[in-house]
Amino acid sequence: MFPGSHSSIPRKKMAGAPNFSGQIPRQAICFNNTMSRPLLSSPLIITKSPQLMQNNMKKMKHGLCLISQARNDTFKKRRATLLKSLEDDVSSTLGSLSASDMIEQFYACINDKKLKELESYISKDCCLEDCSFPYPIQGKKEVLQFYRQLIAGMGTNVKFHIDHICEDQKFTAGVNWHLEWKRIPIPFTRGCSFYECIEDGEKLVIKY
């Protein structure tokens, strides 16, 4: 046997190490080391989770803000389009008076004795028929002469008062009226008139 040679020592005696009291076996140490890895990594997960949740919440809030902004922009565009359409409708309505509106202004000119302005409501070939006359009054000049005589006969205090006005079609209007003296109704002065209008450029004038 040479020095340092351990071949004569039985393998069973070399297989295990002396086990003193209080010494932890090697397998137990390895087991504890293996189990300690998730225990050491678990605090990292706990510390990262709130940060991850905050980032996700920020992303969600940012996404919701973008969606809300897009909806607001769409609503504003639709609102602007609607308002523009309403403005166009109002302007077109104001630009072209209906027959009933025009007839109301026509009676206002008679009451205010505005003869010059009255001419703008009569067409060139206007025809006026009245049960008080045996024949119709034809032409703008003759019709205006009739209204001049009517206004002169009404005097200062007699006015037309419109009770009802209706519009059958775009160019036809009917009026129920009576005469008043200083805003007091005059007996037996009720009447009904019908008007047919035509377009003269951008305005309506009385044709019949």
N, C-alpha and C. Protein backbone atom coordinates (compact mmCIF):
# COMPACT_ATOMS: atom_id res chain seq x y z
N MET A 1 0.87 -1.19 0.00
CA MET A 1 0.00 0.00 0.00
C MET A 1 0.89 1.22 0.00
N PHE A 2 0.59 2.10 -0.89
CA PHE A 2 1.37 3.32 -1.00
C PHE A 2 0.77 4.41 -0.15
N PRO A 3 1.63 5.39 0.23
CA PRO A 3 1.07 6.50 1.03
C PRO A 3 0.06 7.27 0.21
N GLY A 4 -0.98 7.65 0.87
CA GLY A 4 -2.05 8.41 0.20
C GLY A 4 -3.05 7.56 -0.51
N SER A 5 -2.79 6.26 -0.61
CA SER A 5 -3.77 5.42 -1.30
C SER A 5 -4.87 5.03 -0.36
N HIS A 6 -6.13 5.13 -0.82
CA HIS A 6 -7.31 4.82 0.02
C HIS A 6 -8.06 3.63 -0.51
N SER A 7 -7.40 2.83 -1.34
CA SER A 7 -8.12 1.71 -1.93
C SER A 7 -8.45 0.65 -0.92
N SER A 8 -7.69 0.63 0.18
CA SER A 8 -7.97 -0.40 1.19
C SER A 8 -9.13 -0.04 2.08
N ILE A 9 -9.56 1.24 2.00
CA ILE A 9 -10.68 1.66 2.87
C ILE A 9 -11.98 1.24 2.22
N PRO A 10 -12.88 0.64 2.93
CA PRO A 10 -14.16 0.21 2.32
C PRO A 10 -14.96 1.41 1.82
N ARG A 11 -15.71 1.25 0.68
CA ARG A 11 -16.48 2.35 0.07
C ARG A 11 -17.67 2.75 0.94
N LYS A 12 -18.19 1.81 1.70
CA LYS A 12 -19.34 2.15 2.53
C LYS A 12 -19.00 3.17 3.57
N LYS A 13 -17.76 3.04 4.09
CA LYS A 13 -17.37 4.00 5.12
C LYS A 13 -17.12 5.36 4.52
N MET A 14 -16.73 5.47 3.23
CA MET A 14 -16.47 6.77 2.60
C MET A 14 -17.74 7.36 1.99
N ALA A 15 -18.79 6.59 1.88
CA ALA A 15 -20.00 7.10 1.23
C ALA A 15 -20.67 8.16 2.05
N GLY A 16 -20.62 8.11 3.32
CA GLY A 16 -21.30 9.09 4.14
C GLY A 16 -20.33 9.85 4.99
N ALA A 17 -20.66 11.04 5.35
CA ALA A 17 -19.83 11.89 6.21
C ALA A 17 -20.34 11.79 7.62
N PRO A 18 -19.50 12.03 8.61
CA PRO A 18 -19.94 11.97 10.02
C PRO A 18 -21.04 12.98 10.26
N ASN A 19 -22.05 12.57 10.97
CA ASN A 19 -23.21 13.41 11.23
C ASN A 19 -23.20 13.80 12.69
N PHE A 20 -22.73 15.02 12.90
CA PHE A 20 -22.72 15.53 14.27
C PHE A 20 -24.08 16.12 14.61
N SER A 21 -24.38 16.17 15.89
CA SER A 21 -25.67 16.73 16.32
C SER A 21 -25.69 18.22 16.03
N GLY A 22 -26.79 18.73 15.51
CA GLY A 22 -26.93 20.14 15.20
C GLY A 22 -26.50 20.49 13.80
N GLN A 23 -25.89 19.59 13.03
CA GLN A 23 -25.47 19.90 11.67
C GLN A 23 -26.60 19.54 10.72
N ILE A 24 -26.91 20.43 9.81
CA ILE A 24 -28.03 20.24 8.87
C ILE A 24 -27.57 19.39 7.73
N PRO A 25 -28.29 18.38 7.36
CA PRO A 25 -27.88 17.53 6.23
C PRO A 25 -27.78 18.34 4.96
N ARG A 26 -26.89 17.87 4.00
CA ARG A 26 -26.66 18.59 2.75
C ARG A 26 -27.93 18.63 1.90
N GLN A 27 -28.68 17.54 1.90
CA GLN A 27 -29.91 17.52 1.11
C GLN A 27 -30.91 18.55 1.64
N ALA A 28 -30.95 18.73 2.94
CA ALA A 28 -31.86 19.72 3.50
C ALA A 28 -31.45 21.11 3.10
N ILE A 29 -30.12 21.36 3.05
CA ILE A 29 -29.63 22.68 2.65
C ILE A 29 -30.00 22.95 1.20
N CYS A 30 -29.78 21.97 0.34
CA CYS A 30 -30.14 22.15 -1.07
C CYS A 30 -31.63 22.37 -1.22
N PHE A 31 -32.43 21.68 -0.48
CA PHE A 31 -33.89 21.84 -0.56
C PHE A 31 -34.31 23.24 -0.14
N ASN A 32 -33.66 23.67 0.98
CA ASN A 32 -34.00 25.02 1.43
C ASN A 32 -33.54 26.07 0.45
N ASN A 33 -32.37 25.90 -0.17
CA ASN A 33 -31.90 26.85 -1.17
C ASN A 33 -32.83 26.86 -2.38
N THR A 34 -33.29 25.68 -2.77
CA THR A 34 -34.20 25.62 -3.91
C THR A 34 -35.51 26.30 -3.60
N MET A 35 -36.04 26.13 -2.43
CA MET A 35 -37.31 26.74 -2.05
C MET A 35 -37.17 28.22 -1.78
N SER A 36 -35.93 28.64 -1.49
CA SER A 36 -35.77 30.05 -1.15
C SER A 36 -35.81 30.94 -2.38
N ARG A 37 -35.62 30.35 -3.57
CA ARG A 37 -35.61 31.20 -4.77
C ARG A 37 -36.94 31.88 -5.02
N PRO A 38 -38.04 31.14 -5.01
CA PRO A 38 -39.31 31.87 -5.18
C PRO A 38 -39.61 32.80 -4.04
N LEU A 39 -39.14 32.46 -2.83
CA LEU A 39 -39.39 33.37 -1.72
C LEU A 39 -38.64 34.67 -1.90
N LEU A 40 -37.42 34.56 -2.46
CA LEU A 40 -36.65 35.79 -2.69
C LEU A 40 -37.21 36.59 -3.86
N SER A 41 -37.77 35.89 -4.87
CA SER A 41 -38.29 36.61 -6.04
C SER A 41 -39.69 37.15 -5.82
N SER A 42 -40.44 36.61 -4.86
CA SER A 42 -41.80 37.06 -4.65
C SER A 42 -41.91 38.53 -4.26
N PRO A 43 -40.99 39.10 -3.45
CA PRO A 43 -41.10 40.54 -3.18
C PRO A 43 -40.93 41.38 -4.43
N LEU A 44 -40.15 40.92 -5.43
CA LEU A 44 -39.99 41.67 -6.67
C LEU A 44 -41.31 41.73 -7.43
N ILE A 45 -42.04 40.61 -7.42
CA ILE A 45 -43.34 40.59 -8.10
C ILE A 45 -44.31 41.55 -7.42
N ILE A 46 -44.27 41.57 -6.11
CA ILE A 46 -45.18 42.46 -5.36
C ILE A 46 -44.85 43.91 -5.63
N THR A 47 -43.53 44.21 -5.73
CA THR A 47 -43.17 45.61 -5.97
C THR A 47 -43.41 46.03 -7.41
N LYS A 48 -43.36 45.10 -8.37
CA LYS A 48 -43.59 45.46 -9.77
C LYS A 48 -45.07 45.52 -10.12
N SER A 49 -45.91 44.76 -9.47
CA SER A 49 -47.32 44.69 -9.83
C SER A 49 -48.02 46.05 -9.74
N PRO A 50 -47.88 46.82 -8.64
CA PRO A 50 -48.54 48.14 -8.60
C PRO A 50 -48.08 49.06 -9.72
N GLN A 51 -46.80 49.03 -10.04
CA GLN A 51 -46.30 49.88 -11.13
C GLN A 51 -46.90 49.46 -12.47
N LEU A 52 -47.00 48.16 -12.67
CA LEU A 52 -47.59 47.66 -13.90
C LEU A 52 -49.07 48.03 -13.99
N MET A 53 -49.74 47.93 -12.86
CA MET A 53 -51.15 48.32 -12.84
C MET A 53 -51.33 49.80 -13.11
N GLN A 54 -50.45 50.63 -12.56
CA GLN A 54 -50.53 52.07 -12.83
C GLN A 54 -50.30 52.36 -14.30
N ASN A 55 -49.34 51.68 -14.90
CA ASN A 55 -49.08 51.89 -16.33
C ASN A 55 -50.29 51.49 -17.17
N ASN A 56 -50.89 50.34 -16.80
CA ASN A 56 -52.08 49.90 -17.53
C ASN A 56 -53.24 50.86 -17.37
N MET A 57 -53.39 51.38 -16.14
CA MET A 57 -54.46 52.36 -15.89
C MET A 57 -54.24 53.63 -16.69
N LYS A 58 -52.96 54.07 -16.77
CA LYS A 58 -52.65 55.27 -17.56
C LYS A 58 -52.98 55.05 -19.02
N LYS A 59 -52.62 53.86 -19.52
CA LYS A 59 -52.91 53.56 -20.92
C LYS A 59 -54.42 53.53 -21.16
N MET A 60 -55.16 52.93 -20.23
CA MET A 60 -56.61 52.89 -20.38
C MET A 60 -57.21 54.28 -20.35
N LYS A 61 -56.73 55.11 -19.40
CA LYS A 61 -57.24 56.48 -19.32
C LYS A 61 -56.92 57.27 -20.58
N HIS A 62 -55.70 57.06 -21.09
CA HIS A 62 -55.32 57.76 -22.32
C HIS A 62 -56.18 57.31 -23.49
N GLY A 63 -56.45 56.02 -23.55
CA GLY A 63 -57.31 55.51 -24.62
C GLY A 63 -58.72 56.03 -24.51
N LEU A 64 -59.26 56.07 -23.27
CA LEU A 64 -60.60 56.61 -23.07
C LEU A 64 -60.66 58.09 -23.42
N CYS A 65 -59.60 58.82 -23.09
CA CYS A 65 -59.56 60.25 -23.44
C CYS A 65 -59.56 60.44 -24.95
N LEU A 66 -58.81 59.60 -25.66
CA LEU A 66 -58.79 59.70 -27.12
C LEU A 66 -60.17 59.39 -27.71
N ILE A 67 -60.83 58.36 -27.16
CA ILE A 67 -62.18 58.01 -27.64
C ILE A 67 -63.15 59.14 -27.36
N SER A 68 -63.08 59.71 -26.13
CA SER A 68 -63.97 60.80 -25.77
C SER A 68 -63.71 62.03 -26.64
N GLN A 69 -62.43 62.32 -26.91
CA GLN A 69 -62.10 63.46 -27.75
C GLN A 69 -62.62 63.26 -29.17
N ALA A 70 -62.48 62.02 -29.67
CA ALA A 70 -62.97 61.73 -31.02
C ALA A 70 -64.49 61.90 -31.09
N ARG A 71 -65.18 61.43 -30.04
CA ARG A 71 -66.64 61.59 -30.02
C ARG A 71 -67.03 63.05 -29.94
N ASN A 72 -66.30 63.84 -29.13
CA ASN A 72 -66.59 65.26 -29.02
C ASN A 72 -66.36 65.97 -30.35
N ASP A 73 -65.28 65.61 -31.04
CA ASP A 73 -65.00 66.22 -32.34
C ASP A 73 -66.10 65.89 -33.34
N THR A 74 -66.55 64.62 -33.33
CA THR A 74 -67.63 64.22 -34.23
C THR A 74 -68.92 64.96 -33.90
N PHE A 75 -69.22 65.09 -32.59
CA PHE A 75 -70.42 65.81 -32.19
C PHE A 75 -70.36 67.29 -32.59
N LYS A 76 -69.17 67.90 -32.43
CA LYS A 76 -69.02 69.30 -32.80
C LYS A 76 -69.21 69.50 -34.31
N LYS A 77 -68.66 68.57 -35.10
CA LYS A 77 -68.81 68.66 -36.55
C LYS A 77 -70.27 68.52 -36.95
N ARG A 78 -70.96 67.55 -36.34
CA ARG A 78 -72.38 67.37 -36.65
C ARG A 78 -73.20 68.58 -36.22
N ARG A 79 -72.87 69.14 -35.06
CA ARG A 79 -73.58 70.32 -34.56
C ARG A 79 -73.36 71.51 -35.47
N ALA A 80 -72.11 71.69 -35.92
CA ALA A 80 -71.82 72.81 -36.83
C ALA A 80 -72.56 72.64 -38.16
N THR A 81 -72.60 71.40 -38.66
CA THR A 81 -73.33 71.14 -39.90
C THR A 81 -74.81 71.41 -39.75
N LEU A 82 -75.39 70.99 -38.61
CA LEU A 82 -76.80 71.21 -38.35
C LEU A 82 -77.12 72.69 -38.23
N LEU A 83 -76.28 73.44 -37.50
CA LEU A 83 -76.51 74.87 -37.35
C LEU A 83 -76.40 75.59 -38.69
N LYS A 84 -75.42 75.17 -39.51
CA LYS A 84 -75.28 75.77 -40.83
C LYS A 84 -76.50 75.52 -41.68
N SER A 85 -77.05 74.29 -41.59
CA SER A 85 -78.25 73.96 -42.36
C SER A 85 -79.44 74.78 -41.90
N LEU A 86 -79.57 74.95 -40.56
CA LEU A 86 -80.67 75.76 -40.03
C LEU A 86 -80.53 77.22 -40.45
N GLU A 87 -79.29 77.75 -40.44
CA GLU A 87 -79.07 79.13 -40.86
C GLU A 87 -79.43 79.31 -42.33
N ASP A 88 -79.09 78.32 -43.15
CA ASP A 88 -79.44 78.40 -44.57
C ASP A 88 -80.95 78.39 -44.77
N ASP A 89 -81.64 77.54 -43.98
CA ASP A 89 -83.09 77.48 -44.10
C ASP A 89 -83.73 78.81 -43.68
N VAL A 90 -83.22 79.38 -42.57
CA VAL A 90 -83.77 80.65 -42.09
C VAL A 90 -83.50 81.77 -43.09
N SER A 91 -82.27 81.82 -43.62
CA SER A 91 -81.94 82.88 -44.57
C SER A 91 -82.76 82.76 -45.85
N SER A 92 -82.97 81.50 -46.30
CA SER A 92 -83.79 81.32 -47.50
C SER A 92 -85.24 81.70 -47.24
N THR A 93 -85.73 81.41 -46.01
CA THR A 93 -87.10 81.78 -45.68
C THR A 93 -87.25 83.30 -45.62
N LEU A 94 -86.27 83.96 -44.99
CA LEU A 94 -86.33 85.42 -44.91
C LEU A 94 -86.13 86.07 -46.27
N GLY A 95 -85.33 85.42 -47.11
CA GLY A 95 -85.05 86.01 -48.42
C GLY A 95 -86.26 85.98 -49.33
N SER A 96 -87.13 84.99 -49.21
CA SER A 96 -88.33 84.88 -50.05
C SER A 96 -89.55 84.77 -49.15
N LEU A 97 -90.34 85.85 -49.09
CA LEU A 97 -91.52 85.87 -48.26
C LEU A 97 -92.61 84.99 -48.86
N SER A 98 -93.42 84.41 -48.00
CA SER A 98 -94.55 83.64 -48.48
C SER A 98 -95.66 84.60 -48.91
N ALA A 99 -96.67 84.04 -49.55
CA ALA A 99 -97.78 84.87 -50.02
C ALA A 99 -98.52 85.52 -48.86
N SER A 100 -98.71 84.79 -47.78
CA SER A 100 -99.44 85.35 -46.62
C SER A 100 -98.66 86.49 -45.99
N ASP A 101 -97.33 86.34 -45.88
CA ASP A 101 -96.52 87.42 -45.32
C ASP A 101 -96.56 88.66 -46.19
N MET A 102 -96.50 88.45 -47.50
CA MET A 102 -96.52 89.57 -48.42
C MET A 102 -97.86 90.32 -48.38
N ILE A 103 -98.96 89.57 -48.26
CA ILE A 103 -100.28 90.20 -48.20
C ILE A 103 -100.44 91.01 -46.91
N GLU A 104 -99.89 90.52 -45.81
CA GLU A 104 -99.93 91.29 -44.56
C GLU A 104 -99.21 92.63 -44.73
N GLN A 105 -98.05 92.61 -45.38
CA GLN A 105 -97.33 93.86 -45.62
C GLN A 105 -98.09 94.76 -46.58
N PHE A 106 -98.79 94.15 -47.53
CA PHE A 106 -99.60 94.92 -48.47
C PHE A 106 -100.69 95.71 -47.75
N TYR A 107 -101.40 95.06 -46.81
CA TYR A 107 -102.43 95.76 -46.03
C TYR A 107 -101.82 96.80 -45.11
N ALA A 108 -100.62 96.55 -44.61
CA ALA A 108 -99.95 97.55 -43.77
C ALA A 108 -99.65 98.81 -44.56
N CYS A 109 -99.26 98.66 -45.84
CA CYS A 109 -99.03 99.83 -46.68
C CYS A 109 -100.31 100.63 -46.90
N ILE A 110 -101.44 99.91 -47.06
CA ILE A 110 -102.72 100.61 -47.22
C ILE A 110 -103.05 101.40 -45.96
N ASN A 111 -102.92 100.78 -44.79
CA ASN A 111 -103.23 101.45 -43.53
C ASN A 111 -102.31 102.65 -43.27
N ASP A 112 -101.04 102.52 -43.64
CA ASP A 112 -100.07 103.61 -43.41
C ASP A 112 -100.03 104.60 -44.57
N LYS A 113 -100.86 104.34 -45.61
CA LYS A 113 -100.97 105.25 -46.76
C LYS A 113 -99.63 105.43 -47.47
N LYS A 114 -98.91 104.35 -47.62
CA LYS A 114 -97.62 104.38 -48.31
C LYS A 114 -97.86 104.00 -49.79
N LEU A 115 -98.27 104.99 -50.56
CA LEU A 115 -98.64 104.74 -51.95
C LEU A 115 -97.44 104.32 -52.80
N LYS A 116 -96.29 104.94 -52.57
CA LYS A 116 -95.12 104.60 -53.36
C LYS A 116 -94.68 103.16 -53.11
N GLU A 117 -94.69 102.76 -51.87
CA GLU A 117 -94.32 101.38 -51.54
C GLU A 117 -95.36 100.39 -52.02
N LEU A 118 -96.61 100.85 -52.11
CA LEU A 118 -97.69 99.97 -52.54
C LEU A 118 -97.47 99.49 -53.98
N GLU A 119 -96.80 100.31 -54.78
CA GLU A 119 -96.56 99.95 -56.17
C GLU A 119 -95.72 98.69 -56.31
N SER A 120 -94.82 98.44 -55.36
CA SER A 120 -93.92 97.28 -55.45
C SER A 120 -94.64 95.96 -55.23
N TYR A 121 -95.90 96.00 -54.77
CA TYR A 121 -96.66 94.77 -54.52
C TYR A 121 -97.60 94.42 -55.68
N ILE A 122 -97.67 95.27 -56.69
CA ILE A 122 -98.60 95.06 -57.81
C ILE A 122 -97.81 94.68 -59.06
N SER A 123 -98.23 93.59 -59.72
CA SER A 123 -97.57 93.18 -60.95
C SER A 123 -98.01 94.08 -62.11
N LYS A 124 -97.28 94.00 -63.21
CA LYS A 124 -97.56 94.88 -64.36
C LYS A 124 -98.91 94.58 -64.98
N ASP A 125 -99.31 93.32 -65.02
CA ASP A 125 -100.59 92.93 -65.63
C ASP A 125 -101.58 92.46 -64.57
N CYS A 126 -101.57 93.13 -63.43
CA CYS A 126 -102.46 92.75 -62.33
C CYS A 126 -103.93 92.95 -62.74
N CYS A 127 -104.76 92.03 -62.23
CA CYS A 127 -106.20 92.11 -62.50
C CYS A 127 -106.94 92.10 -61.17
N LEU A 128 -107.86 93.06 -60.98
CA LEU A 128 -108.62 93.17 -59.73
C LEU A 128 -110.10 93.03 -60.05
N GLU A 129 -110.76 92.10 -59.37
CA GLU A 129 -112.21 91.92 -59.52
C GLU A 129 -112.87 92.17 -58.19
N ASP A 130 -113.92 92.93 -58.21
CA ASP A 130 -114.67 93.25 -57.00
C ASP A 130 -116.15 93.20 -57.33
N CYS A 131 -116.91 92.66 -56.38
CA CYS A 131 -118.36 92.54 -56.61
C CYS A 131 -119.04 93.91 -56.73
N SER A 132 -118.38 94.97 -56.28
CA SER A 132 -118.98 96.31 -56.34
C SER A 132 -118.89 96.91 -57.74
N PHE A 133 -118.08 96.29 -58.62
CA PHE A 133 -117.88 96.85 -59.96
C PHE A 133 -118.39 95.86 -61.00
N PRO A 134 -118.95 96.36 -62.08
CA PRO A 134 -119.51 95.46 -63.11
C PRO A 134 -118.44 94.80 -63.96
N TYR A 135 -117.23 95.28 -63.94
CA TYR A 135 -116.17 94.73 -64.78
C TYR A 135 -114.85 94.73 -64.00
N PRO A 136 -113.91 93.87 -64.33
CA PRO A 136 -112.63 93.83 -63.61
C PRO A 136 -111.76 95.03 -63.97
N ILE A 137 -110.87 95.37 -63.06
CA ILE A 137 -109.90 96.45 -63.26
C ILE A 137 -108.60 95.79 -63.70
N GLN A 138 -108.14 96.17 -64.88
CA GLN A 138 -107.01 95.48 -65.49
C GLN A 138 -105.82 96.43 -65.63
N GLY A 139 -104.62 95.93 -65.25
CA GLY A 139 -103.38 96.69 -65.42
C GLY A 139 -102.92 97.34 -64.11
N LYS A 140 -101.61 97.51 -64.00
CA LYS A 140 -101.02 98.05 -62.78
C LYS A 140 -101.46 99.48 -62.53
N LYS A 141 -101.49 100.29 -63.56
CA LYS A 141 -101.85 101.70 -63.40
C LYS A 141 -103.28 101.85 -62.91
N GLU A 142 -104.20 101.09 -63.49
CA GLU A 142 -105.62 101.16 -63.09
C GLU A 142 -105.84 100.64 -61.68
N VAL A 143 -105.14 99.53 -61.34
CA VAL A 143 -105.28 98.96 -59.98
C VAL A 143 -104.75 99.93 -58.94
N LEU A 144 -103.60 100.56 -59.20
CA LEU A 144 -103.05 101.53 -58.25
C LEU A 144 -103.97 102.74 -58.11
N GLN A 145 -104.64 103.14 -59.20
CA GLN A 145 -105.59 104.25 -59.11
C GLN A 145 -106.76 103.89 -58.20
N PHE A 146 -107.23 102.65 -58.28
CA PHE A 146 -108.30 102.18 -57.39
C PHE A 146 -107.88 102.28 -55.93
N TYR A 147 -106.66 101.82 -55.61
CA TYR A 147 -106.21 101.86 -54.22
C TYR A 147 -105.96 103.29 -53.74
N ARG A 148 -105.58 104.18 -54.61
CA ARG A 148 -105.43 105.59 -54.22
C ARG A 148 -106.79 106.17 -53.80
N GLN A 149 -107.80 105.86 -54.59
CA GLN A 149 -109.14 106.35 -54.25
C GLN A 149 -109.66 105.69 -52.96
N LEU A 150 -109.35 104.40 -52.79
CA LEU A 150 -109.77 103.70 -51.57
C LEU A 150 -109.10 104.32 -50.34
N ILE A 151 -107.80 104.58 -50.40
CA ILE A 151 -107.06 105.14 -49.25
C ILE A 151 -107.57 106.54 -48.94
N ALA A 152 -107.84 107.30 -49.99
CA ALA A 152 -108.36 108.65 -49.77
C ALA A 152 -109.75 108.61 -49.12
N GLY A 153 -110.60 107.64 -49.53
CA GLY A 153 -111.94 107.55 -48.95
C GLY A 153 -111.91 107.01 -47.52
N MET A 154 -110.90 106.28 -47.14
CA MET A 154 -110.81 105.76 -45.77
C MET A 154 -110.52 106.85 -44.76
N GLY A 155 -109.90 107.93 -45.20
CA GLY A 155 -109.57 109.00 -44.27
C GLY A 155 -108.38 108.65 -43.39
N THR A 156 -108.28 109.37 -42.27
CA THR A 156 -107.10 109.21 -41.40
C THR A 156 -107.25 108.08 -40.39
N ASN A 157 -108.48 107.87 -39.89
CA ASN A 157 -108.65 106.96 -38.75
C ASN A 157 -109.16 105.57 -39.10
N VAL A 158 -109.58 105.35 -40.34
CA VAL A 158 -110.11 104.04 -40.72
C VAL A 158 -108.95 103.15 -41.17
N LYS A 159 -108.92 101.91 -40.64
CA LYS A 159 -107.85 100.96 -40.94
C LYS A 159 -108.44 99.59 -41.23
N PHE A 160 -107.73 98.83 -42.04
CA PHE A 160 -108.04 97.42 -42.21
C PHE A 160 -107.47 96.64 -41.03
N HIS A 161 -108.26 95.70 -40.53
CA HIS A 161 -107.79 94.77 -39.49
C HIS A 161 -107.96 93.35 -40.02
N ILE A 162 -106.87 92.61 -40.08
CA ILE A 162 -106.90 91.23 -40.58
C ILE A 162 -107.33 90.29 -39.45
N ASP A 163 -108.43 89.58 -39.67
CA ASP A 163 -108.89 88.59 -38.69
C ASP A 163 -108.18 87.25 -38.88
N HIS A 164 -108.15 86.79 -40.10
CA HIS A 164 -107.51 85.51 -40.41
C HIS A 164 -106.84 85.63 -41.77
N ILE A 165 -105.76 84.93 -41.91
CA ILE A 165 -105.08 84.82 -43.19
C ILE A 165 -104.57 83.39 -43.35
N CYS A 166 -104.80 82.82 -44.52
CA CYS A 166 -104.38 81.45 -44.76
C CYS A 166 -103.71 81.37 -46.13
N GLU A 167 -102.94 80.31 -46.29
CA GLU A 167 -102.17 80.11 -47.52
C GLU A 167 -102.47 78.72 -48.06
N ASP A 168 -103.14 78.70 -49.22
CA ASP A 168 -103.52 77.41 -49.80
C ASP A 168 -102.32 76.77 -50.48
N GLN A 169 -101.70 77.48 -51.37
CA GLN A 169 -100.49 77.04 -52.03
C GLN A 169 -99.42 78.10 -51.82
N LYS A 170 -98.28 77.92 -52.50
CA LYS A 170 -97.18 78.85 -52.29
C LYS A 170 -97.53 80.26 -52.74
N PHE A 171 -98.36 80.39 -53.78
CA PHE A 171 -98.64 81.70 -54.35
C PHE A 171 -100.09 82.14 -54.18
N THR A 172 -100.83 81.49 -53.26
CA THR A 172 -102.25 81.82 -53.07
C THR A 172 -102.52 82.08 -51.59
N ALA A 173 -103.25 83.15 -51.30
CA ALA A 173 -103.58 83.50 -49.91
C ALA A 173 -105.01 84.01 -49.84
N GLY A 174 -105.66 83.71 -48.72
CA GLY A 174 -107.01 84.20 -48.45
C GLY A 174 -107.03 84.99 -47.15
N VAL A 175 -107.81 86.09 -47.11
CA VAL A 175 -107.81 87.00 -45.96
C VAL A 175 -109.25 87.31 -45.55
N ASN A 176 -109.54 87.16 -44.26
CA ASN A 176 -110.77 87.69 -43.67
C ASN A 176 -110.43 88.98 -42.94
N TRP A 177 -111.16 90.06 -43.21
CA TRP A 177 -110.80 91.36 -42.64
C TRP A 177 -112.06 92.12 -42.26
N HIS A 178 -111.88 93.16 -41.48
CA HIS A 178 -112.95 94.13 -41.20
C HIS A 178 -112.30 95.50 -41.03
N LEU A 179 -113.10 96.54 -41.11
CA LEU A 179 -112.61 97.90 -40.96
C LEU A 179 -112.82 98.38 -39.52
N GLU A 180 -111.89 99.18 -39.05
CA GLU A 180 -111.96 99.76 -37.72
C GLU A 180 -111.75 101.27 -37.81
N TRP A 181 -112.42 101.96 -36.90
CA TRP A 181 -112.25 103.40 -36.77
C TRP A 181 -111.66 103.68 -35.39
N LYS A 182 -110.41 104.13 -35.35
CA LYS A 182 -109.67 104.31 -34.10
C LYS A 182 -109.72 103.02 -33.26
N ARG A 183 -109.47 101.90 -33.94
CA ARG A 183 -109.42 100.57 -33.34
C ARG A 183 -110.78 100.08 -32.83
N ILE A 184 -111.85 100.72 -33.26
CA ILE A 184 -113.20 100.25 -32.91
C ILE A 184 -113.81 99.64 -34.17
N PRO A 185 -114.25 98.38 -34.13
CA PRO A 185 -114.82 97.74 -35.32
C PRO A 185 -116.02 98.52 -35.86
N ILE A 186 -116.05 98.70 -37.17
CA ILE A 186 -117.16 99.38 -37.83
C ILE A 186 -118.17 98.32 -38.27
N PRO A 187 -119.46 98.46 -37.90
CA PRO A 187 -120.45 97.44 -38.27
C PRO A 187 -120.59 97.31 -39.79
N PHE A 188 -120.87 96.09 -40.21
CA PHE A 188 -121.15 95.76 -41.61
C PHE A 188 -119.98 96.07 -42.55
N THR A 189 -118.79 95.92 -42.05
CA THR A 189 -117.61 96.18 -42.90
C THR A 189 -116.70 94.96 -43.00
N ARG A 190 -117.26 93.78 -42.80
CA ARG A 190 -116.44 92.57 -42.92
C ARG A 190 -116.37 92.13 -44.37
N GLY A 191 -115.19 91.59 -44.72
CA GLY A 191 -115.01 91.14 -46.09
C GLY A 191 -114.02 90.00 -46.17
N CYS A 192 -113.95 89.40 -47.34
CA CYS A 192 -113.03 88.29 -47.60
C CYS A 192 -112.41 88.50 -48.97
N SER A 193 -111.10 88.41 -49.04
CA SER A 193 -110.38 88.64 -50.29
C SER A 193 -109.43 87.48 -50.56
N PHE A 194 -109.24 87.19 -51.84
CA PHE A 194 -108.32 86.14 -52.27
C PHE A 194 -107.29 86.75 -53.21
N TYR A 195 -106.04 86.27 -53.06
CA TYR A 195 -104.94 86.83 -53.84
C TYR A 195 -104.13 85.70 -54.46
N GLU A 196 -103.81 85.90 -55.74
CA GLU A 196 -102.89 85.02 -56.44
C GLU A 196 -101.62 85.81 -56.76
N CYS A 197 -100.47 85.25 -56.40
CA CYS A 197 -99.20 85.97 -56.55
C CYS A 197 -98.29 85.24 -57.54
N ILE A 198 -97.33 85.97 -58.05
CA ILE A 198 -96.32 85.40 -58.93
C ILE A 198 -94.95 85.91 -58.47
N GLU A 199 -93.93 85.24 -58.92
CA GLU A 199 -92.57 85.65 -58.59
C GLU A 199 -92.10 86.72 -59.57
N ASP A 200 -91.54 87.78 -59.01
CA ASP A 200 -90.94 88.84 -59.80
C ASP A 200 -89.50 89.03 -59.31
N GLY A 201 -88.58 88.28 -59.91
CA GLY A 201 -87.20 88.27 -59.40
C GLY A 201 -87.13 87.49 -58.11
N GLU A 202 -86.72 88.14 -57.02
CA GLU A 202 -86.60 87.49 -55.71
C GLU A 202 -87.76 87.82 -54.78
N LYS A 203 -88.83 88.39 -55.30
CA LYS A 203 -89.97 88.76 -54.45
C LYS A 203 -91.26 88.30 -55.09
N LEU A 204 -92.34 88.36 -54.33
CA LEU A 204 -93.68 88.04 -54.82
C LEU A 204 -94.47 89.31 -55.06
N VAL A 205 -95.28 89.30 -56.10
CA VAL A 205 -96.17 90.43 -56.39
C VAL A 205 -97.57 89.88 -56.67
N ILE A 206 -98.57 90.71 -56.55
CA ILE A 206 -99.95 90.31 -56.73
C ILE A 206 -100.27 90.28 -58.21
N LYS A 207 -100.71 89.11 -58.66
CA LYS A 207 -101.11 88.92 -60.05
C LYS A 207 -102.61 89.11 -60.24
N TYR A 208 -103.38 88.60 -59.23
CA TYR A 208 -104.85 88.63 -59.36
C TYR A 208 -105.48 88.80 -57.98
